[in-house]
């Protein structure tokens, strides 16, 4: 395991930049977000099987099961279910762990759960099992993947198909990177602010998931910088012109937030985060954190409305075209 102190510092010091890069990418919407949220909503449900079904659907929507020959393959649901059902008491106990007070007993409990889960039909367990645990016990385990987690932290996506190795790798990644970030006071202030605004930041569902989001944002930003011809300030783009509205969607909207970041963000109606002014998922807090304005016929009208809020104005990534 490499020394991850520099990675911890990078994430903490650039948290706001990486957080914005994650949400500007707008890659993770639709079923991947829906099933993720439903998995978390059913964590405490008496219907444990329903909870497992949503987790199973989440992993499929996250690309863990590829149709046809080749690629990752998940076990049949009944195999997954039989592996997790006997762990219910352990999962409930692990769900009460405070990540700031991890003990050797806690690590042994997590190891038992990790080793017992049977979700992947292919040889590697780390990615699939961590994603299951990230929905069973999101308070202590984040999702791990090859493209972002391993490439950013380890410099490669190689995983040795050995359960001992994979558990020790997960323990090292969580203990040496995720927990140090999660316990940094500078990070916590930002994370709590973001998590309070689920309309704007629906993926910020737990402290460790916020760390994961920042890691993804950091990796995506580094890839953007490496593409020839793109400046460090972001991808070369041109604003959407007023006459393009018929092709782009039904209108423009402004999301005004007065809790998290005191801002007004302009979206195109069909943006996954806007959804024609409804947001990307149900909002039980209604207008407590912010509200949508619109639709507006063109970008200029939306800008004028955004300015009238008296808040900082910016365009969401959906308002730019390559």
C-alpha atoms as a PDB file:
ATOM      1  CA  UNK A   1       0.000   0.000   0.000  1.00  0.00           C
ATOM      2  CA  UNK A   2       1.561   3.348  -1.056  1.00  0.00           C
ATOM      3  CA  UNK A   3       1.660   6.317   1.295  1.00  0.00           C
ATOM      4  CA  UNK A   4      -1.621   8.178   0.677  1.00  0.00           C
ATOM      5  CA  UNK A   5      -0.913  11.304   2.731  1.00  0.00           C
ATOM      6  CA  UNK A   6      -0.420  13.440  -0.384  1.00  0.00           C
ATOM      7  CA  UNK A   7      -3.728  12.222  -1.805  1.00  0.00           C
ATOM      8  CA  UNK A   8      -5.488  13.064   1.449  1.00  0.00           C
ATOM      9  CA  UNK A   9      -4.033  16.589   1.367  1.00  0.00           C
ATOM     10  CA  UNK A  10      -4.933  17.020  -2.309  1.00  0.00           C
ATOM     11  CA  UNK A  11      -8.583  16.106  -1.722  1.00  0.00           C
ATOM     12  CA  UNK A  12      -8.941  18.280   1.382  1.00  0.00           C
ATOM     13  CA  UNK A  13      -7.212  21.323  -0.095  1.00  0.00           C
ATOM     14  CA  UNK A  14      -9.111  21.151  -3.399  1.00  0.00           C
ATOM     15  CA  UNK A  15     -12.425  19.848  -2.083  1.00  0.00           C
ATOM     16  CA  UNK A  16     -14.618  22.585  -3.568  1.00  0.00           C
ATOM     17  CA  UNK A  17     -12.968  22.363  -7.000  1.00  0.00           C
ATOM     18  CA  UNK A  18     -13.274  18.564  -7.125  1.00  0.00           C
ATOM     19  CA  UNK A  19     -16.837  18.637  -5.833  1.00  0.00           C
ATOM     20  CA  UNK A  20     -17.818  21.013  -8.619  1.00  0.00           C
ATOM     21  CA  UNK A  21     -16.015  18.835 -11.182  1.00  0.00           C
ATOM     22  CA  UNK A  22     -17.995  15.795 -10.024  1.00  0.00           C
ATOM     23  CA  UNK A  23     -21.366  17.501 -10.450  1.00  0.00           C
ATOM     24  CA  UNK A  24     -20.431  19.344 -13.630  1.00  0.00           C
ATOM     25  CA  UNK A  25     -19.669  16.004 -15.279  1.00  0.00           C
ATOM     26  CA  UNK A  26     -23.332  14.977 -14.897  1.00  0.00           C
ATOM     27  CA  UNK A  27     -22.404  11.400 -15.761  1.00  0.00           C
ATOM     28  CA  UNK A  28     -24.186   9.624 -12.946  1.00  0.00           C
ATOM     29  CA  UNK A  29     -27.936  10.150 -13.313  1.00  0.00           C
ATOM     30  CA  UNK A  30     -31.032   8.111 -14.186  1.00  0.00           C
ATOM     31  CA  UNK A  31     -31.212   4.541 -12.807  1.00  0.00           C
ATOM     32  CA  UNK A  32     -27.774   4.713 -11.166  1.00  0.00           C
ATOM     33  CA  UNK A  33     -28.919   7.538  -8.890  1.00  0.00           C
ATOM     34  CA  UNK A  34     -32.489   6.292  -8.428  1.00  0.00           C
ATOM     35  CA  UNK A  35     -31.527   2.816  -7.241  1.00  0.00           C
ATOM     36  CA  UNK A  36     -28.684   4.198  -5.101  1.00  0.00           C
ATOM     37  CA  UNK A  37     -31.139   6.422  -3.240  1.00  0.00           C
ATOM     38  CA  UNK A  38     -33.735   3.666  -2.899  1.00  0.00           C
ATOM     39  CA  UNK A  39     -31.091   1.303  -1.523  1.00  0.00           C
ATOM     40  CA  UNK A  40     -30.228   3.811   1.181  1.00  0.00           C
ATOM     41  CA  UNK A  41     -33.859   4.659   1.914  1.00  0.00           C
ATOM     42  CA  UNK A  42     -34.647   0.977   2.607  1.00  0.00           C
ATOM     43  CA  UNK A  43     -31.638   0.366   4.893  1.00  0.00           C
ATOM     44  CA  UNK A  44     -33.775   0.410   8.032  1.00  0.00           C
ATOM     45  CA  UNK A  45     -36.794  -1.225   6.420  1.00  0.00           C
ATOM     46  CA  UNK A  46     -38.264  -4.329   8.021  1.00  0.00           C
ATOM     47  CA  UNK A  47     -38.367  -5.759   4.508  1.00  0.00           C
ATOM     48  CA  UNK A  48     -34.688  -6.722   4.309  1.00  0.00           C
ATOM     49  CA  UNK A  49     -35.176  -8.583   1.026  1.00  0.00           C
ATOM     50  CA  UNK A  50     -36.512  -5.416  -0.610  1.00  0.00           C
ATOM     51  CA  UNK A  51     -33.367  -3.635   0.561  1.00  0.00           C
ATOM     52  CA  UNK A  52     -31.211  -6.354  -1.012  1.00  0.00           C
ATOM     53  CA  UNK A  53     -33.204  -6.167  -4.243  1.00  0.00           C
ATOM     54  CA  UNK A  54     -32.507  -2.443  -4.535  1.00  0.00           C
ATOM     55  CA  UNK A  55     -28.810  -3.006  -3.849  1.00  0.00           C
ATOM     56  CA  UNK A  56     -28.756  -5.698  -6.538  1.00  0.00           C
ATOM     57  CA  UNK A  57     -30.424  -3.308  -8.999  1.00  0.00           C
ATOM     58  CA  UNK A  58     -27.993  -0.545  -8.027  1.00  0.00           C
ATOM     59  CA  UNK A  59     -24.952  -2.644  -8.874  1.00  0.00           C
ATOM     60  CA  UNK A  60     -26.458  -3.651 -12.209  1.00  0.00           C
ATOM     61  CA  UNK A  61     -27.135   0.024 -13.042  1.00  0.00           C
ATOM     62  CA  UNK A  62     -23.561   0.865 -11.963  1.00  0.00           C
ATOM     63  CA  UNK A  63     -22.196  -1.410 -14.683  1.00  0.00           C
ATOM     64  CA  UNK A  64     -21.368  -4.467 -12.583  1.00  0.00           C
ATOM     65  CA  UNK A  65     -23.186  -6.851 -14.910  1.00  0.00           C
ATOM     66  CA  UNK A  66     -22.385  -6.849 -18.612  1.00  0.00           C
ATOM     67  CA  UNK A  67     -24.654  -8.623 -21.055  1.00  0.00           C
ATOM     68  CA  UNK A  68     -23.128 -11.077 -23.524  1.00  0.00           C
ATOM     69  CA  UNK A  69     -19.652 -12.549 -23.516  1.00  0.00           C
ATOM     70  CA  UNK A  70     -16.908 -10.933 -21.475  1.00  0.00           C
ATOM     71  CA  UNK A  71     -17.071  -8.204 -18.865  1.00  0.00           C
ATOM     72  CA  UNK A  72     -18.147  -8.273 -15.238  1.00  0.00           C
ATOM     73  CA  UNK A  73     -20.885 -10.700 -14.235  1.00  0.00           C
ATOM     74  CA  UNK A  74     -23.031 -10.732 -11.105  1.00  0.00           C
ATOM     75  CA  UNK A  75     -24.292 -13.806  -9.316  1.00  0.00           C
ATOM     76  CA  UNK A  76     -27.969 -14.752  -9.547  1.00  0.00           C
ATOM     77  CA  UNK A  77     -29.968 -12.865  -6.937  1.00  0.00           C
ATOM     78  CA  UNK A  78     -30.728 -15.935  -4.805  1.00  0.00           C
ATOM     79  CA  UNK A  79     -26.973 -16.579  -4.416  1.00  0.00           C
ATOM     80  CA  UNK A  80     -26.416 -13.002  -3.288  1.00  0.00           C
ATOM     81  CA  UNK A  81     -29.430 -13.126  -0.968  1.00  0.00           C
ATOM     82  CA  UNK A  82     -28.353 -16.369   0.709  1.00  0.00           C
ATOM     83  CA  UNK A  83     -24.879 -14.943   1.359  1.00  0.00           C
ATOM     84  CA  UNK A  84     -26.155 -11.768   3.047  1.00  0.00           C
ATOM     85  CA  UNK A  85     -29.256 -12.890   4.973  1.00  0.00           C
ATOM     86  CA  UNK A  86     -27.262 -14.654   7.754  1.00  0.00           C
ATOM     87  CA  UNK A  87     -25.301 -11.405   8.256  1.00  0.00           C
ATOM     88  CA  UNK A  88     -28.283  -9.255   9.183  1.00  0.00           C
ATOM     89  CA  UNK A  89     -27.368  -9.012  12.880  1.00  0.00           C
ATOM     90  CA  UNK A  90     -23.752  -8.173  11.993  1.00  0.00           C
ATOM     91  CA  UNK A  91     -24.904  -5.566   9.481  1.00  0.00           C
ATOM     92  CA  UNK A  92     -27.132  -3.899  12.081  1.00  0.00           C
ATOM     93  CA  UNK A  93     -24.225  -3.805  14.521  1.00  0.00           C
ATOM     94  CA  UNK A  94     -21.863  -2.397  11.880  1.00  0.00           C
ATOM     95  CA  UNK A  95     -24.481   0.212  11.010  1.00  0.00           C
ATOM     96  CA  UNK A  96     -23.931   1.770  14.418  1.00  0.00           C
ATOM     97  CA  UNK A  97     -20.150   2.159  14.051  1.00  0.00           C
ATOM     98  CA  UNK A  98     -18.837   5.705  14.312  1.00  0.00           C
ATOM     99  CA  UNK A  99     -16.129   5.945  11.639  1.00  0.00           C
ATOM    100  CA  UNK A 100     -14.194   8.337  13.892  1.00  0.00           C
ATOM    101  CA  UNK A 101     -13.856   5.639  16.572  1.00  0.00           C
ATOM    102  CA  UNK A 102     -12.799   2.576  14.595  1.00  0.00           C
ATOM    103  CA  UNK A 103     -11.392  -0.288  16.691  1.00  0.00           C
ATOM    104  CA  UNK A 104      -9.881  -3.657  15.847  1.00  0.00           C
ATOM    105  CA  UNK A 105     -13.197  -5.268  16.799  1.00  0.00           C
ATOM    106  CA  UNK A 106     -14.938  -3.096  14.207  1.00  0.00           C
ATOM    107  CA  UNK A 107     -12.450  -4.060  11.505  1.00  0.00           C
ATOM    108  CA  UNK A 108     -12.956  -7.765  12.307  1.00  0.00           C
ATOM    109  CA  UNK A 109     -16.718  -7.306  12.022  1.00  0.00           C
ATOM    110  CA  UNK A 110     -16.347  -5.585   8.647  1.00  0.00           C
ATOM    111  CA  UNK A 111     -13.969  -8.287   7.466  1.00  0.00           C
ATOM    112  CA  UNK A 112     -16.528 -10.972   8.315  1.00  0.00           C
ATOM    113  CA  UNK A 113     -19.176  -9.181   6.262  1.00  0.00           C
ATOM    114  CA  UNK A 114     -16.802  -8.577   3.355  1.00  0.00           C
ATOM    115  CA  UNK A 115     -15.688 -12.202   3.176  1.00  0.00           C
ATOM    116  CA  UNK A 116     -19.250 -13.525   3.318  1.00  0.00           C
ATOM    117  CA  UNK A 117     -20.822 -11.490   0.507  1.00  0.00           C
ATOM    118  CA  UNK A 118     -21.265 -13.335  -2.786  1.00  0.00           C
ATOM    119  CA  UNK A 119     -22.275 -10.796  -5.421  1.00  0.00           C
ATOM    120  CA  UNK A 120     -19.828 -11.290  -8.301  1.00  0.00           C
ATOM    121  CA  UNK A 121     -19.663 -14.378 -10.493  1.00  0.00           C
ATOM    122  CA  UNK A 122     -16.273 -13.252 -11.776  1.00  0.00           C
ATOM    123  CA  UNK A 123     -13.092 -13.770  -9.746  1.00  0.00           C
ATOM    124  CA  UNK A 124     -12.661 -10.305  -8.230  1.00  0.00           C
ATOM    125  CA  UNK A 125     -14.600  -9.416  -5.049  1.00  0.00           C
ATOM    126  CA  UNK A 126     -13.258  -6.013  -3.982  1.00  0.00           C
ATOM    127  CA  UNK A 127     -15.313  -3.768  -6.271  1.00  0.00           C
ATOM    128  CA  UNK A 128     -18.618  -5.636  -6.025  1.00  0.00           C
ATOM    129  CA  UNK A 129     -18.439  -6.345  -2.294  1.00  0.00           C
ATOM    130  CA  UNK A 130     -17.449  -2.779  -1.418  1.00  0.00           C
ATOM    131  CA  UNK A 131     -20.390  -1.424  -3.416  1.00  0.00           C
ATOM    132  CA  UNK A 132     -22.751  -3.764  -1.607  1.00  0.00           C
ATOM    133  CA  UNK A 133     -21.302  -2.726   1.769  1.00  0.00           C
ATOM    134  CA  UNK A 134     -21.519   0.954   0.770  1.00  0.00           C
ATOM    135  CA  UNK A 135     -25.306   0.492   0.758  1.00  0.00           C
ATOM    136  CA  UNK A 136     -25.570  -1.891   3.701  1.00  0.00           C
ATOM    137  CA  UNK A 137     -23.269   0.164   5.953  1.00  0.00           C
ATOM    138  CA  UNK A 138     -22.517   3.511   4.242  1.00  0.00           C
ATOM    139  CA  UNK A 139     -21.416   4.937   7.582  1.00  0.00           C
ATOM    140  CA  UNK A 140     -18.091   3.051   7.387  1.00  0.00           C
ATOM    141  CA  UNK A 141     -17.540   1.680   3.858  1.00  0.00           C
ATOM    142  CA  UNK A 142     -17.393   3.666   0.584  1.00  0.00           C
ATOM    143  CA  UNK A 143     -17.742   2.150  -2.904  1.00  0.00           C
ATOM    144  CA  UNK A 144     -14.434   1.194  -4.511  1.00  0.00           C
ATOM    145  CA  UNK A 145     -13.898   0.913  -8.264  1.00  0.00           C
ATOM    146  CA  UNK A 146     -11.065   0.498 -10.718  1.00  0.00           C
ATOM    147  CA  UNK A 147     -11.549   3.555 -12.935  1.00  0.00           C
ATOM    148  CA  UNK A 148     -11.536   6.162 -10.190  1.00  0.00           C
ATOM    149  CA  UNK A 149     -10.546   4.826  -6.745  1.00  0.00           C
ATOM    150  CA  UNK A 150      -7.697   2.544  -7.713  1.00  0.00           C
ATOM    151  CA  UNK A 151      -6.317   4.661 -10.558  1.00  0.00           C
ATOM    152  CA  UNK A 152      -6.324   7.819  -8.441  1.00  0.00           C
ATOM    153  CA  UNK A 153      -4.990   6.264  -5.234  1.00  0.00           C
ATOM    154  CA  UNK A 154      -2.853   3.380  -6.514  1.00  0.00           C
ATOM    155  CA  UNK A 155      -1.894   4.591  -9.992  1.00  0.00           C
ATOM    156  CA  UNK A 156      -3.334   1.478 -11.662  1.00  0.00           C
ATOM    157  CA  UNK A 157      -6.511  -0.602 -11.695  1.00  0.00           C
ATOM    158  CA  UNK A 158      -4.944  -4.003 -11.056  1.00  0.00           C
ATOM    159  CA  UNK A 159      -6.616  -6.253  -8.474  1.00  0.00           C
ATOM    160  CA  UNK A 160      -5.198  -9.609  -7.433  1.00  0.00           C
ATOM    161  CA  UNK A 161      -8.003 -12.191  -7.275  1.00  0.00           C
ATOM    162  CA  UNK A 162      -7.345 -13.255  -3.707  1.00  0.00           C
ATOM    163  CA  UNK A 163      -9.813 -12.588  -0.900  1.00  0.00           C
ATOM    164  CA  UNK A 164      -7.101 -11.934   1.703  1.00  0.00           C
ATOM    165  CA  UNK A 165      -5.372  -9.436  -0.583  1.00  0.00           C
ATOM    166  CA  UNK A 166      -8.666  -7.753  -1.502  1.00  0.00           C
ATOM    167  CA  UNK A 167      -9.783  -7.347   2.106  1.00  0.00           C
ATOM    168  CA  UNK A 168      -6.429  -5.901   3.136  1.00  0.00           C
ATOM    169  CA  UNK A 169      -6.556  -3.518   0.167  1.00  0.00           C
ATOM    170  CA  UNK A 170     -10.050  -2.340   1.124  1.00  0.00           C
ATOM    171  CA  UNK A 171      -9.000  -1.902   4.762  1.00  0.00           C
ATOM    172  CA  UNK A 172      -5.923   0.070   3.673  1.00  0.00           C
ATOM    173  CA  UNK A 173      -7.844   2.344   1.312  1.00  0.00           C
ATOM    174  CA  UNK A 174     -10.497   3.099   3.915  1.00  0.00           C
ATOM    175  CA  UNK A 175      -8.092   3.436   6.835  1.00  0.00           C
ATOM    176  CA  UNK A 176      -5.325   5.384   5.090  1.00  0.00           C
ATOM    177  CA  UNK A 177      -7.366   7.603   2.766  1.00  0.00           C
ATOM    178  CA  UNK A 178     -11.129   7.765   3.297  1.00  0.00           C
ATOM    179  CA  UNK A 179     -11.090   8.068   7.089  1.00  0.00           C
ATOM    180  CA  UNK A 180      -8.319  10.716   7.257  1.00  0.00           C
ATOM    181  CA  UNK A 181     -10.245  12.861   4.760  1.00  0.00           C
ATOM    182  CA  UNK A 182     -13.548  12.230   6.553  1.00  0.00           C
ATOM    183  CA  UNK A 183     -12.155  13.342   9.904  1.00  0.00           C
ATOM    184  CA  UNK A 184     -10.583  16.569   8.632  1.00  0.00           C
ATOM    185  CA  UNK A 185     -12.471  19.558  10.033  1.00  0.00           C
ATOM    186  CA  UNK A 186     -12.118  21.586   6.824  1.00  0.00           C
ATOM    187  CA  UNK A 187     -13.685  18.780   4.834  1.00  0.00           C
ATOM    188  CA  UNK A 188     -16.434  18.161   7.400  1.00  0.00           C
ATOM    189  CA  UNK A 189     -17.626  21.768   7.259  1.00  0.00           C
ATOM    190  CA  UNK A 190     -18.050  21.531   3.488  1.00  0.00           C
ATOM    191  CA  UNK A 191     -19.503  18.020   3.509  1.00  0.00           C
ATOM    192  CA  UNK A 192     -22.193  18.886   6.027  1.00  0.00           C
ATOM    193  CA  UNK A 193     -23.138  21.937   3.973  1.00  0.00           C
ATOM    194  CA  UNK A 194     -23.400  19.895   0.762  1.00  0.00           C
ATOM    195  CA  UNK A 195     -25.306  17.063   2.411  1.00  0.00           C
ATOM    196  CA  UNK A 196     -27.904  19.540   3.664  1.00  0.00           C
ATOM    197  CA  UNK A 197     -28.867  20.357   0.061  1.00  0.00           C
ATOM    198  CA  UNK A 198     -29.978  17.088  -1.511  1.00  0.00           C
ATOM    199  CA  UNK A 199     -31.739  18.874  -4.371  1.00  0.00           C
ATOM    200  CA  UNK A 200     -28.488  20.261  -5.736  1.00  0.00           C
ATOM    201  CA  UNK A 201     -26.186  17.486  -4.480  1.00  0.00           C
ATOM    202  CA  UNK A 202     -28.189  14.240  -4.548  1.00  0.00           C
ATOM    203  CA  UNK A 203     -25.064  12.047  -4.556  1.00  0.00           C
ATOM    204  CA  UNK A 204     -23.820  13.467  -1.246  1.00  0.00           C
ATOM    205  CA  UNK A 205     -25.622  10.777   0.730  1.00  0.00           C
ATOM    206  CA  UNK A 206     -23.044  10.076   3.444  1.00  0.00           C
ATOM    207  CA  UNK A 207     -19.705  11.439   4.639  1.00  0.00           C
ATOM    208  CA  UNK A 208     -17.731   8.671   2.933  1.00  0.00           C
ATOM    209  CA  UNK A 209     -19.754   8.997  -0.280  1.00  0.00           C
ATOM    210  CA  UNK A 210     -18.833  12.684  -0.353  1.00  0.00           C
ATOM    211  CA  UNK A 211     -15.164  11.667  -0.119  1.00  0.00           C
ATOM    212  CA  UNK A 212     -15.770   9.251  -2.996  1.00  0.00           C
ATOM    213  CA  UNK A 213     -17.405  12.027  -5.045  1.00  0.00           C
ATOM    214  CA  UNK A 214     -14.391  14.280  -4.511  1.00  0.00           C
ATOM    215  CA  UNK A 215     -12.069  11.488  -5.588  1.00  0.00           C
ATOM    216  CA  UNK A 216     -14.092  11.007  -8.785  1.00  0.00           C
ATOM    217  CA  UNK A 217     -14.025  14.766  -9.391  1.00  0.00           C
ATOM    218  CA  UNK A 218     -10.255  14.824  -8.905  1.00  0.00           C
ATOM    219  CA  UNK A 219      -9.750  11.985 -11.377  1.00  0.00           C
ATOM    220  CA  UNK A 220     -12.047  13.514 -13.981  1.00  0.00           C
ATOM    221  CA  UNK A 221     -10.334  16.880 -13.639  1.00  0.00           C
ATOM    222  CA  UNK A 222      -6.905  15.328 -14.118  1.00  0.00           C
ATOM    223  CA  UNK A 223      -8.140  13.567 -17.266  1.00  0.00           C
ATOM    224  CA  UNK A 224      -9.561  16.830 -18.636  1.00  0.00           C
ATOM    225  CA  UNK A 225      -6.244  18.588 -18.061  1.00  0.00           C
ATOM    226  CA  UNK A 226      -4.371  15.863 -19.905  1.00  0.00           C
ATOM    227  CA  UNK A 227      -6.473  16.178 -23.065  1.00  0.00           C
ATOM    228  CA  UNK A 228      -4.559  18.197 -25.635  1.00  0.00           C
ATOM    229  CA  UNK A 229      -5.942  21.654 -26.359  1.00  0.00           C
ATOM    230  CA  UNK A 230      -7.983  22.005 -23.172  1.00  0.00           C
ATOM    231  CA  UNK A 231      -6.977  24.729 -20.728  1.00  0.00           C
ATOM    232  CA  UNK A 232      -6.549  24.077 -17.008  1.00  0.00           C
ATOM    233  CA  UNK A 233      -9.619  26.157 -16.256  1.00  0.00           C
ATOM    234  CA  UNK A 234     -11.864  23.503 -17.809  1.00  0.00           C
ATOM    235  CA  UNK A 235     -12.869  22.064 -21.168  1.00  0.00           C
ATOM    236  CA  UNK A 236     -13.038  24.352 -24.183  1.00  0.00           C
ATOM    237  CA  UNK A 237     -16.723  25.057 -24.641  1.00  0.00           C
ATOM    238  CA  UNK A 238     -19.087  27.535 -26.185  1.00  0.00           C
ATOM    239  CA  UNK A 239     -22.239  28.827 -24.489  1.00  0.00           C
ATOM    240  CA  UNK A 240     -25.591  27.621 -25.763  1.00  0.00           C
ATOM    241  CA  UNK A 241     -27.088  30.279 -28.013  1.00  0.00           C
ATOM    242  CA  UNK A 242     -30.630  31.558 -27.564  1.00  0.00           C
ATOM    243  CA  UNK A 243     -31.733  30.182 -30.901  1.00  0.00           C
ATOM    244  CA  UNK A 244     -30.717  26.672 -29.882  1.00  0.00           C
ATOM    245  CA  UNK A 245     -33.452  26.387 -27.264  1.00  0.00           C
ATOM    246  CA  UNK A 246     -35.788  24.363 -29.457  1.00  0.00           C
ATOM    247  CA  UNK A 247     -33.093  21.742 -29.968  1.00  0.00           C
ATOM    248  CA  UNK A 248     -31.801  21.771 -26.384  1.00  0.00           C
ATOM    249  CA  UNK A 249     -35.069  21.412 -24.473  1.00  0.00           C
ATOM    250  CA  UNK A 250     -38.234  23.123 -23.345  1.00  0.00           C
ATOM    251  CA  UNK A 251     -36.590  26.023 -21.540  1.00  0.00           C
ATOM    252  CA  UNK A 252     -34.060  27.236 -19.015  1.00  0.00           C
ATOM    253  CA  UNK A 253     -34.428  27.092 -15.243  1.00  0.00           C
ATOM    254  CA  UNK A 254     -32.667  28.705 -12.290  1.00  0.00           C
ATOM    255  CA  UNK A 255     -32.069  26.855  -9.038  1.00  0.00           C
ATOM    256  CA  UNK A 256     -31.741  29.354  -6.194  1.00  0.00           C
ATOM    257  CA  UNK A 257     -30.123  27.959  -3.055  1.00  0.00           C
ATOM    258  CA  UNK A 258     -30.029  29.861   0.224  1.00  0.00           C
ATOM    259  CA  UNK A 259     -28.639  27.150   2.504  1.00  0.00           C
ATOM    260  CA  UNK A 260     -25.561  25.453   1.073  1.00  0.00           C
ATOM    261  CA  UNK A 261     -23.732  27.944  -1.131  1.00  0.00           C
ATOM    262  CA  UNK A 262     -25.913  31.045  -1.571  1.00  0.00           C
ATOM    263  CA  UNK A 263     -26.000  30.676  -5.342  1.00  0.00           C
ATOM    264  CA  UNK A 264     -28.249  30.727  -8.390  1.00  0.00           C
ATOM    265  CA  UNK A 265     -27.434  28.047 -10.979  1.00  0.00           C
ATOM    266  CA  UNK A 266     -28.842  28.049 -14.518  1.00  0.00           C
ATOM    267  CA  UNK A 267     -29.901  24.705 -16.050  1.00  0.00           C
ATOM    268  CA  UNK A 268     -31.450  23.531 -19.314  1.00  0.00           C
ATOM    269  CA  UNK A 269     -34.824  21.903 -18.687  1.00  0.00           C
ATOM    270  CA  UNK A 270     -33.788  18.428 -19.851  1.00  0.00           C
ATOM    271  CA  UNK A 271     -30.706  18.390 -17.595  1.00  0.00           C
ATOM    272  CA  UNK A 272     -30.777  15.323 -15.361  1.00  0.00           C
ATOM    273  CA  UNK A 273     -30.419  17.480 -12.261  1.00  0.00           C
ATOM    274  CA  UNK A 274     -33.149  19.920 -13.344  1.00  0.00           C
ATOM    275  CA  UNK A 275     -35.852  17.627 -14.791  1.00  0.00           C
ATOM    276  CA  UNK A 276     -37.918  20.566 -16.036  1.00  0.00           C
ATOM    277  CA  UNK A 277     -37.743  22.341 -12.686  1.00  0.00           C
ATOM    278  CA  UNK A 278     -38.651  19.289 -10.589  1.00  0.00           C
ATOM    279  CA  UNK A 279     -35.117  18.254  -9.581  1.00  0.00           C
ATOM    280  CA  UNK A 280     -33.691  14.743  -9.910  1.00  0.00           C
ATOM    281  CA  UNK A 281     -35.598  13.140  -7.030  1.00  0.00           C
ATOM    282  CA  UNK A 282     -38.404  13.851  -4.593  1.00  0.00           C
ATOM    283  CA  UNK A 283     -37.689  16.787  -2.293  1.00  0.00           C
ATOM    284  CA  UNK A 284     -39.201  16.125   1.155  1.00  0.00           C
ATOM    285  CA  UNK A 285     -37.823  19.463   2.422  1.00  0.00           C
ATOM    286  CA  UNK A 286     -39.780  21.301  -0.303  1.00  0.00           C
ATOM    287  CA  UNK A 287     -38.429  24.888  -0.429  1.00  0.00           C
ATOM    288  CA  UNK A 288     -36.514  24.831   2.851  1.00  0.00           C
ATOM    289  CA  UNK A 289     -33.083  24.858   1.143  1.00  0.00           C
ATOM    290  CA  UNK A 290     -33.902  26.451  -2.197  1.00  0.00           C
ATOM    291  CA  UNK A 291     -36.326  26.628  -5.119  1.00  0.00           C
ATOM    292  CA  UNK A 292     -36.571  26.442  -8.906  1.00  0.00           C
ATOM    293  CA  UNK A 293     -37.455  29.438 -11.088  1.00  0.00           C
ATOM    294  CA  UNK A 294     -38.721  29.083 -14.642  1.00  0.00           C
ATOM    295  CA  UNK A 295     -39.026  28.009 -17.342  1.00  0.00           C
ATOM    296  CA  UNK A 296     -37.463  30.869 -19.314  1.00  0.00           C
ATOM    297  CA  UNK A 297     -37.468  31.119 -23.094  1.00  0.00           C
ATOM    298  CA  UNK A 298     -33.743  31.684 -23.449  1.00  0.00           C
ATOM    299  CA  UNK A 299     -30.483  31.877 -21.580  1.00  0.00           C
ATOM    300  CA  UNK A 300     -30.545  35.666 -21.259  1.00  0.00           C
ATOM    301  CA  UNK A 301     -33.924  35.634 -19.511  1.00  0.00           C
ATOM    302  CA  UNK A 302     -32.668  32.976 -17.118  1.00  0.00           C
ATOM    303  CA  UNK A 303     -29.544  35.044 -16.383  1.00  0.00           C
ATOM    304  CA  UNK A 304     -31.635  38.108 -15.589  1.00  0.00           C
ATOM    305  CA  UNK A 305     -33.786  36.116 -13.164  1.00  0.00           C
ATOM    306  CA  UNK A 306     -30.694  34.590 -11.574  1.00  0.00           C
ATOM    307  CA  UNK A 307     -29.216  38.079 -11.044  1.00  0.00           C
ATOM    308  CA  UNK A 308     -32.448  39.252  -9.441  1.00  0.00           C
ATOM    309  CA  UNK A 309     -31.997  36.707  -6.661  1.00  0.00           C
ATOM    310  CA  UNK A 310     -28.966  38.687  -5.502  1.00  0.00           C
ATOM    311  CA  UNK A 311     -26.897  35.510  -5.276  1.00  0.00           C
ATOM    312  CA  UNK A 312     -23.759  34.349  -7.048  1.00  0.00           C
ATOM    313  CA  UNK A 313     -24.711  33.256 -10.580  1.00  0.00           C
ATOM    314  CA  UNK A 314     -23.188  30.481 -12.658  1.00  0.00           C
ATOM    315  CA  UNK A 315     -24.168  28.186 -15.519  1.00  0.00           C
ATOM    316  CA  UNK A 316     -24.436  24.487 -14.818  1.00  0.00           C
ATOM    317  CA  UNK A 317     -22.350  22.279 -17.124  1.00  0.00           C
ATOM    318  CA  UNK A 318     -25.515  21.438 -19.111  1.00  0.00           C
ATOM    319  CA  UNK A 319     -25.605  25.025 -20.386  1.00  0.00           C
ATOM    320  CA  UNK A 320     -22.414  24.550 -22.384  1.00  0.00           C
ATOM    321  CA  UNK A 321     -21.925  22.648 -25.591  1.00  0.00           C
ATOM    322  CA  UNK A 322     -18.737  21.059 -26.904  1.00  0.00           C
END
